[in-house]
N, C-alpha and C. Protein backbone atom coordinates (compact mmCIF):
# COMPACT_ATOMS: atom_id res chain seq x y z
N UNK A 1 74.96 14.79 6.11
CA UNK A 1 73.59 14.58 5.70
C UNK A 1 72.69 15.05 6.83
N UNK A 2 71.79 15.96 6.56
CA UNK A 2 70.88 16.48 7.57
C UNK A 2 69.54 15.77 7.53
N UNK A 3 68.77 15.98 8.56
CA UNK A 3 67.42 15.43 8.60
C UNK A 3 66.43 16.57 8.55
N UNK A 4 65.27 16.30 8.05
CA UNK A 4 64.22 17.29 8.00
C UNK A 4 63.25 17.04 9.14
N UNK A 5 63.10 18.01 10.01
CA UNK A 5 62.17 17.90 11.12
C UNK A 5 60.84 18.53 10.72
N UNK A 6 59.78 17.97 11.26
CA UNK A 6 58.45 18.51 11.01
C UNK A 6 58.09 19.48 12.14
N UNK A 7 57.70 20.67 11.78
CA UNK A 7 57.37 21.71 12.76
C UNK A 7 55.85 21.77 12.88
N UNK A 8 55.35 21.62 14.12
CA UNK A 8 53.92 21.56 14.36
C UNK A 8 53.14 22.77 13.87
N UNK A 9 53.76 23.93 13.84
CA UNK A 9 53.02 25.14 13.42
C UNK A 9 52.60 25.05 11.96
N UNK A 10 53.21 24.16 11.19
CA UNK A 10 52.85 24.02 9.77
C UNK A 10 51.77 22.95 9.54
N UNK A 11 51.30 22.32 10.61
CA UNK A 11 50.28 21.28 10.49
C UNK A 11 48.89 21.91 10.40
N UNK A 12 47.91 21.10 10.01
CA UNK A 12 46.52 21.53 10.01
C UNK A 12 45.64 20.32 9.77
N UNK A 13 44.34 20.50 9.95
CA UNK A 13 43.34 19.50 9.62
C UNK A 13 42.46 20.11 8.54
N UNK A 14 42.11 19.32 7.53
CA UNK A 14 41.27 19.83 6.44
C UNK A 14 40.29 18.75 5.99
N UNK A 15 39.20 19.20 5.40
CA UNK A 15 38.28 18.31 4.69
C UNK A 15 38.47 18.66 3.23
N UNK A 16 39.12 17.76 2.50
CA UNK A 16 39.54 18.10 1.15
C UNK A 16 40.55 19.23 1.23
N UNK A 17 40.28 20.33 0.54
CA UNK A 17 41.19 21.47 0.59
C UNK A 17 40.74 22.54 1.57
N UNK A 18 39.59 22.34 2.22
CA UNK A 18 39.05 23.33 3.16
C UNK A 18 39.62 23.09 4.56
N UNK A 19 40.44 24.03 5.03
CA UNK A 19 41.03 23.94 6.36
C UNK A 19 39.95 24.02 7.42
N UNK A 20 40.07 23.16 8.44
CA UNK A 20 39.18 23.24 9.60
C UNK A 20 39.77 24.31 10.52
N UNK A 21 39.04 25.40 10.70
CA UNK A 21 39.55 26.53 11.47
C UNK A 21 39.64 26.21 12.96
N UNK A 22 40.59 26.86 13.64
CA UNK A 22 40.69 26.79 15.09
C UNK A 22 41.44 25.60 15.65
N UNK A 23 41.77 24.62 14.84
CA UNK A 23 42.38 23.39 15.36
C UNK A 23 43.86 23.63 15.68
N UNK A 24 44.29 23.13 16.84
CA UNK A 24 45.67 23.33 17.27
C UNK A 24 46.41 22.04 17.58
N UNK A 25 45.71 20.91 17.65
CA UNK A 25 46.37 19.61 17.87
C UNK A 25 45.64 18.53 17.08
N UNK A 26 46.39 17.54 16.62
CA UNK A 26 45.78 16.34 16.05
C UNK A 26 46.67 15.14 16.35
N UNK A 27 46.06 13.95 16.34
CA UNK A 27 46.84 12.73 16.51
C UNK A 27 46.17 11.58 15.76
N UNK A 28 47.00 10.66 15.33
CA UNK A 28 46.58 9.40 14.72
C UNK A 28 47.23 8.32 15.57
N UNK A 29 46.44 7.52 16.26
CA UNK A 29 47.01 6.54 17.18
C UNK A 29 46.24 5.22 17.12
N UNK A 30 46.80 4.21 17.77
CA UNK A 30 46.12 2.93 17.87
C UNK A 30 46.16 2.08 16.62
N UNK A 31 47.08 2.37 15.70
CA UNK A 31 47.21 1.54 14.50
C UNK A 31 48.03 0.32 14.91
N UNK A 32 47.37 -0.82 15.02
CA UNK A 32 48.04 -2.04 15.49
C UNK A 32 47.61 -3.25 14.68
N UNK A 33 48.51 -4.22 14.60
CA UNK A 33 48.20 -5.51 13.96
C UNK A 33 47.87 -6.51 15.06
N UNK A 34 46.77 -7.26 14.87
CA UNK A 34 46.40 -8.29 15.83
C UNK A 34 47.48 -9.36 15.91
N UNK A 35 47.73 -9.82 17.12
CA UNK A 35 48.64 -10.94 17.35
C UNK A 35 47.78 -12.06 17.90
N UNK A 36 47.67 -13.17 17.17
CA UNK A 36 46.78 -14.26 17.54
C UNK A 36 47.61 -15.44 18.03
N UNK A 37 47.26 -15.92 19.21
CA UNK A 37 47.96 -17.05 19.80
C UNK A 37 47.67 -18.32 19.01
N UNK A 38 48.71 -18.97 18.49
CA UNK A 38 48.59 -20.20 17.71
C UNK A 38 49.21 -21.38 18.46
N UNK A 39 49.29 -21.26 19.79
CA UNK A 39 49.89 -22.32 20.60
C UNK A 39 48.89 -23.46 20.80
N UNK A 40 49.42 -24.60 21.19
CA UNK A 40 48.55 -25.74 21.47
C UNK A 40 49.11 -26.51 22.66
N UNK A 41 48.32 -27.45 23.16
CA UNK A 41 48.78 -28.28 24.27
C UNK A 41 50.11 -28.93 23.92
N UNK A 42 51.02 -28.93 24.87
CA UNK A 42 52.33 -29.55 24.68
C UNK A 42 53.41 -28.58 24.22
N UNK A 43 53.04 -27.41 23.74
CA UNK A 43 54.04 -26.42 23.33
C UNK A 43 54.76 -25.89 24.56
N UNK A 44 56.06 -25.69 24.44
CA UNK A 44 56.85 -25.11 25.52
C UNK A 44 56.82 -23.58 25.46
N UNK A 45 56.61 -23.04 24.29
CA UNK A 45 56.58 -21.60 24.10
C UNK A 45 55.36 -21.23 23.25
N UNK A 46 54.90 -20.02 23.47
CA UNK A 46 53.78 -19.55 22.66
C UNK A 46 54.21 -19.32 21.23
N UNK A 47 53.28 -19.57 20.31
CA UNK A 47 53.47 -19.27 18.89
C UNK A 47 52.36 -18.31 18.48
N UNK A 48 52.71 -17.38 17.59
CA UNK A 48 51.73 -16.39 17.16
C UNK A 48 51.65 -16.31 15.65
N UNK A 49 50.47 -15.99 15.15
CA UNK A 49 50.28 -15.59 13.76
C UNK A 49 49.70 -14.18 13.80
N UNK A 50 49.91 -13.45 12.75
CA UNK A 50 49.42 -12.09 12.72
C UNK A 50 48.11 -12.02 11.97
N UNK A 51 47.20 -11.23 12.51
CA UNK A 51 45.87 -11.07 11.94
C UNK A 51 45.70 -9.74 11.24
N UNK A 52 44.54 -9.17 11.42
CA UNK A 52 44.17 -7.94 10.73
C UNK A 52 44.80 -6.72 11.40
N UNK A 53 44.87 -5.63 10.65
CA UNK A 53 45.37 -4.36 11.16
C UNK A 53 44.19 -3.47 11.50
N UNK A 54 44.23 -2.90 12.70
CA UNK A 54 43.24 -1.91 13.12
C UNK A 54 43.72 -0.56 12.60
N UNK A 55 42.89 0.14 11.84
CA UNK A 55 43.27 1.43 11.26
C UNK A 55 43.50 2.53 12.27
N UNK A 56 43.08 2.33 13.51
CA UNK A 56 43.35 3.30 14.56
C UNK A 56 42.27 4.33 14.74
N UNK A 57 42.61 5.32 15.53
CA UNK A 57 41.71 6.42 15.82
C UNK A 57 42.41 7.74 15.55
N UNK A 58 41.62 8.74 15.25
CA UNK A 58 42.16 10.08 15.09
C UNK A 58 41.48 10.97 16.12
N UNK A 59 42.17 12.01 16.51
CA UNK A 59 41.56 13.03 17.37
C UNK A 59 42.19 14.36 17.02
N UNK A 60 41.40 15.41 17.13
CA UNK A 60 41.92 16.76 16.92
C UNK A 60 41.06 17.73 17.71
N UNK A 61 41.69 18.80 18.15
CA UNK A 61 40.98 19.75 18.98
C UNK A 61 41.55 21.15 18.82
N UNK A 62 40.80 22.12 19.32
CA UNK A 62 41.24 23.51 19.24
C UNK A 62 40.14 24.45 19.65
N UNK A 63 40.22 25.67 19.17
CA UNK A 63 39.24 26.70 19.49
C UNK A 63 37.98 26.52 18.65
N UNK A 64 36.83 26.66 19.29
CA UNK A 64 35.55 26.53 18.59
C UNK A 64 35.36 27.70 17.62
N UNK A 65 34.96 27.38 16.41
CA UNK A 65 34.67 28.37 15.38
C UNK A 65 33.32 27.99 14.76
N UNK A 66 32.22 28.46 15.38
CA UNK A 66 30.89 28.02 14.95
C UNK A 66 30.48 28.59 13.60
N UNK A 67 31.26 29.50 13.04
CA UNK A 67 30.96 30.05 11.72
C UNK A 67 31.72 29.30 10.62
N UNK A 68 32.52 28.30 10.97
CA UNK A 68 33.33 27.54 10.02
C UNK A 68 32.47 26.45 9.38
N UNK A 69 31.64 26.84 8.41
CA UNK A 69 30.67 25.91 7.82
C UNK A 69 31.32 24.79 7.01
N UNK A 70 32.50 25.02 6.42
CA UNK A 70 33.14 23.97 5.63
C UNK A 70 34.10 23.12 6.47
N UNK A 71 34.24 23.46 7.75
CA UNK A 71 35.14 22.73 8.63
C UNK A 71 34.41 22.19 9.84
N UNK A 72 34.39 22.97 10.93
CA UNK A 72 33.81 22.49 12.18
C UNK A 72 32.33 22.15 12.07
N UNK A 73 31.55 22.99 11.43
CA UNK A 73 30.12 22.70 11.26
C UNK A 73 29.93 21.44 10.42
N UNK A 74 30.73 21.30 9.35
CA UNK A 74 30.64 20.10 8.50
C UNK A 74 31.00 18.85 9.28
N UNK A 75 31.96 18.93 10.20
CA UNK A 75 32.32 17.78 11.02
C UNK A 75 31.21 17.41 12.00
N UNK A 76 30.57 18.41 12.59
CA UNK A 76 29.42 18.12 13.46
C UNK A 76 28.30 17.47 12.66
N UNK A 77 28.07 17.94 11.43
CA UNK A 77 27.03 17.34 10.59
C UNK A 77 27.41 15.92 10.19
N UNK A 78 28.68 15.67 9.90
CA UNK A 78 29.14 14.31 9.57
C UNK A 78 28.94 13.38 10.76
N UNK A 79 29.18 13.90 11.96
CA UNK A 79 28.94 13.11 13.17
C UNK A 79 27.46 12.77 13.29
N UNK A 80 26.59 13.77 13.16
CA UNK A 80 25.15 13.56 13.29
C UNK A 80 24.62 12.57 12.26
N UNK A 81 25.13 12.63 11.04
CA UNK A 81 24.63 11.79 9.94
C UNK A 81 25.41 10.48 9.79
N UNK A 82 26.44 10.26 10.63
CA UNK A 82 27.30 9.08 10.51
C UNK A 82 27.89 8.96 9.10
N UNK A 83 28.35 10.09 8.58
CA UNK A 83 28.91 10.15 7.23
C UNK A 83 30.32 9.59 7.20
N UNK A 84 30.63 8.78 6.18
CA UNK A 84 31.97 8.25 5.99
C UNK A 84 32.81 9.30 5.28
N UNK A 85 33.82 9.85 5.97
CA UNK A 85 34.66 10.89 5.41
C UNK A 85 35.85 10.26 4.69
N UNK A 86 35.98 10.54 3.41
CA UNK A 86 37.09 9.98 2.62
C UNK A 86 38.18 11.00 2.34
N UNK A 87 37.91 12.27 2.63
CA UNK A 87 38.90 13.32 2.32
C UNK A 87 39.34 14.09 3.56
N UNK A 88 39.18 13.50 4.75
CA UNK A 88 39.68 14.15 5.95
C UNK A 88 41.20 14.06 5.94
N UNK A 89 41.86 15.20 6.02
CA UNK A 89 43.33 15.26 5.89
C UNK A 89 43.97 15.78 7.17
N UNK A 90 45.01 15.08 7.62
CA UNK A 90 45.81 15.50 8.76
C UNK A 90 47.18 15.90 8.22
N UNK A 91 47.39 17.19 8.08
CA UNK A 91 48.63 17.70 7.49
C UNK A 91 49.77 17.65 8.52
N UNK A 92 50.94 17.20 8.06
CA UNK A 92 52.14 17.19 8.90
C UNK A 92 53.03 18.39 8.59
N UNK A 93 52.82 19.01 7.43
CA UNK A 93 53.52 20.24 7.03
C UNK A 93 52.66 20.95 6.00
N UNK A 94 53.22 21.85 5.23
CA UNK A 94 52.42 22.62 4.27
C UNK A 94 51.87 21.80 3.11
N UNK A 95 52.50 20.65 2.80
CA UNK A 95 52.09 19.92 1.61
C UNK A 95 51.78 18.44 1.84
N UNK A 96 52.32 17.83 2.88
CA UNK A 96 52.14 16.38 3.11
C UNK A 96 51.07 16.14 4.17
N UNK A 97 50.25 15.12 3.94
CA UNK A 97 49.15 14.84 4.87
C UNK A 97 48.78 13.36 4.84
N UNK A 98 48.14 12.94 5.93
CA UNK A 98 47.53 11.61 6.01
C UNK A 98 46.07 11.75 5.64
N UNK A 99 45.56 10.80 4.85
CA UNK A 99 44.13 10.75 4.56
C UNK A 99 43.74 9.30 4.32
N UNK A 100 42.44 8.99 4.40
CA UNK A 100 42.01 7.62 4.15
C UNK A 100 42.42 7.17 2.74
N UNK A 101 43.00 5.97 2.65
CA UNK A 101 43.49 5.45 1.37
C UNK A 101 42.34 5.31 0.38
N UNK A 102 42.52 5.87 -0.81
CA UNK A 102 41.49 5.81 -1.85
C UNK A 102 41.99 5.07 -3.09
N UNK A 103 43.13 4.41 -2.99
CA UNK A 103 43.66 3.68 -4.15
C UNK A 103 43.65 2.18 -3.97
N UNK A 104 43.64 1.71 -2.73
CA UNK A 104 43.63 0.27 -2.48
C UNK A 104 42.51 -0.04 -1.52
N UNK A 105 41.58 -0.87 -1.96
CA UNK A 105 40.45 -1.22 -1.10
C UNK A 105 40.83 -2.27 -0.08
N UNK A 106 39.95 -2.53 0.85
CA UNK A 106 40.10 -3.60 1.82
C UNK A 106 38.75 -4.30 1.91
N UNK A 107 38.73 -5.48 2.49
CA UNK A 107 37.49 -6.26 2.57
C UNK A 107 36.63 -5.75 3.71
N UNK A 108 35.38 -5.48 3.41
CA UNK A 108 34.43 -4.98 4.39
C UNK A 108 33.44 -6.11 4.67
N UNK A 109 33.46 -6.70 5.87
CA UNK A 109 32.63 -7.88 6.14
C UNK A 109 31.13 -7.63 6.08
N UNK A 110 30.70 -6.38 6.24
CA UNK A 110 29.26 -6.09 6.23
C UNK A 110 28.69 -6.13 4.81
N UNK A 111 29.54 -6.01 3.81
CA UNK A 111 29.07 -5.99 2.42
C UNK A 111 29.00 -7.42 1.90
N UNK A 112 27.80 -7.92 1.68
CA UNK A 112 27.63 -9.30 1.22
C UNK A 112 27.18 -9.38 -0.23
N UNK A 113 27.22 -8.26 -0.95
CA UNK A 113 26.75 -8.24 -2.33
C UNK A 113 27.93 -8.25 -3.29
N UNK A 114 28.42 -9.43 -3.57
CA UNK A 114 29.50 -9.55 -4.56
C UNK A 114 30.83 -9.04 -4.06
N UNK A 115 31.39 -8.07 -4.77
CA UNK A 115 32.70 -7.54 -4.44
C UNK A 115 32.61 -6.68 -3.17
N UNK A 116 33.23 -7.16 -2.10
CA UNK A 116 33.14 -6.41 -0.85
C UNK A 116 34.41 -5.61 -0.56
N UNK A 117 35.12 -5.21 -1.62
CA UNK A 117 36.28 -4.35 -1.44
C UNK A 117 35.82 -2.90 -1.51
N UNK A 118 36.12 -2.15 -0.46
CA UNK A 118 35.75 -0.73 -0.44
C UNK A 118 36.96 0.10 -0.07
N UNK A 119 36.86 1.39 -0.25
CA UNK A 119 37.96 2.29 0.07
C UNK A 119 37.88 2.70 1.53
N UNK A 120 38.95 3.26 2.04
CA UNK A 120 39.04 3.64 3.45
C UNK A 120 38.26 4.92 3.74
N UNK A 121 37.89 5.07 5.01
CA UNK A 121 37.18 6.26 5.44
C UNK A 121 37.33 6.45 6.94
N UNK A 122 36.90 7.63 7.42
CA UNK A 122 36.88 7.94 8.84
C UNK A 122 35.45 8.26 9.23
N UNK A 123 34.99 7.69 10.34
CA UNK A 123 33.71 8.07 10.93
C UNK A 123 33.99 8.88 12.19
N UNK A 124 33.39 10.06 12.28
CA UNK A 124 33.52 10.87 13.48
C UNK A 124 32.68 10.23 14.57
N UNK A 125 33.31 9.86 15.68
CA UNK A 125 32.63 9.15 16.77
C UNK A 125 32.35 10.05 17.97
N UNK A 126 32.96 11.22 18.01
CA UNK A 126 32.69 12.17 19.09
C UNK A 126 32.92 13.58 18.57
N UNK A 127 32.02 14.48 18.92
CA UNK A 127 32.12 15.89 18.54
C UNK A 127 31.71 16.71 19.76
N UNK A 128 32.70 17.15 20.53
CA UNK A 128 32.44 17.80 21.80
C UNK A 128 32.78 19.29 21.76
N UNK A 129 32.03 20.07 22.50
CA UNK A 129 32.29 21.50 22.67
C UNK A 129 32.28 21.79 24.16
N UNK A 130 33.25 22.59 24.61
CA UNK A 130 33.30 22.97 26.02
C UNK A 130 33.79 24.41 26.13
N UNK A 131 33.48 25.02 27.27
CA UNK A 131 33.95 26.38 27.49
C UNK A 131 34.13 26.63 28.98
N UNK A 132 34.80 27.71 29.28
CA UNK A 132 35.07 28.14 30.65
C UNK A 132 34.98 29.66 30.65
N UNK A 133 34.59 30.24 31.75
CA UNK A 133 34.41 31.70 31.79
C UNK A 133 35.70 32.47 31.57
N UNK A 134 36.85 31.82 31.72
CA UNK A 134 38.13 32.51 31.54
C UNK A 134 38.90 32.02 30.32
N UNK A 135 38.22 31.36 29.39
CA UNK A 135 38.94 30.81 28.23
C UNK A 135 38.06 30.84 26.99
N UNK A 136 38.67 30.57 25.85
CA UNK A 136 37.92 30.43 24.60
C UNK A 136 37.20 29.09 24.58
N UNK A 137 36.06 29.04 23.92
CA UNK A 137 35.35 27.78 23.77
C UNK A 137 36.22 26.81 22.97
N UNK A 138 36.17 25.54 23.34
CA UNK A 138 37.00 24.51 22.73
C UNK A 138 36.15 23.46 22.03
N UNK A 139 36.72 22.84 20.98
CA UNK A 139 36.10 21.70 20.31
C UNK A 139 37.07 20.53 20.36
N UNK A 140 36.50 19.33 20.33
CA UNK A 140 37.29 18.11 20.32
C UNK A 140 36.55 17.11 19.45
N UNK A 141 37.23 16.61 18.42
CA UNK A 141 36.65 15.61 17.54
C UNK A 141 37.46 14.32 17.64
N UNK A 142 36.78 13.19 17.56
CA UNK A 142 37.43 11.89 17.53
C UNK A 142 36.79 11.06 16.43
N UNK A 143 37.59 10.18 15.83
CA UNK A 143 37.05 9.33 14.77
C UNK A 143 37.76 8.00 14.69
N UNK A 144 37.08 7.02 14.11
CA UNK A 144 37.66 5.70 13.86
C UNK A 144 38.00 5.58 12.39
N UNK A 145 39.16 4.99 12.12
CA UNK A 145 39.60 4.75 10.75
C UNK A 145 39.18 3.36 10.33
N UNK A 146 38.44 3.27 9.23
CA UNK A 146 38.13 1.98 8.61
C UNK A 146 39.02 1.85 7.40
N UNK A 147 39.89 0.86 7.41
CA UNK A 147 40.89 0.72 6.35
C UNK A 147 42.21 1.27 6.84
N UNK A 148 42.80 2.17 6.07
CA UNK A 148 44.10 2.71 6.47
C UNK A 148 44.24 4.16 6.04
N UNK A 149 45.05 4.87 6.81
CA UNK A 149 45.44 6.24 6.47
C UNK A 149 46.77 6.14 5.75
N UNK A 150 46.94 6.93 4.69
CA UNK A 150 48.19 6.91 3.93
C UNK A 150 48.78 8.32 3.90
N UNK A 151 50.09 8.38 3.84
CA UNK A 151 50.78 9.66 3.74
C UNK A 151 50.87 10.06 2.29
N UNK A 152 50.31 11.23 1.96
CA UNK A 152 50.30 11.74 0.59
C UNK A 152 51.28 12.88 0.47
């Protein structure tokens, strides 16, 4: 029985079906479940209960492509407008990708009007551009996941 390895050259970042040009690395990290101390006076050992899950952060970077209006320019605009991205996709190969979950909602504490279940999204929290006289201009995007990313 063999295993299938994922080859990085087949990865990409997209908004919906529009590939973000120039990107050469991406990561999804910091997905953790809170561990809450439930110990009390007199306990010999700590006791824990598990709390909420942090959806983590995403980051991706690569060569700047200022003419990529459906990718890099759209991400800069999403950053400026604080737009909640629901179709940001982090591809692991030609067909499979992580994206914000759109089938199962989670409770959003800021929503106080009745049903506060909403779908997951990513907010771009940093959109940086840098260059050097001996290299191509680079871009770096970072975002926070509200809810969860799912493998599709």
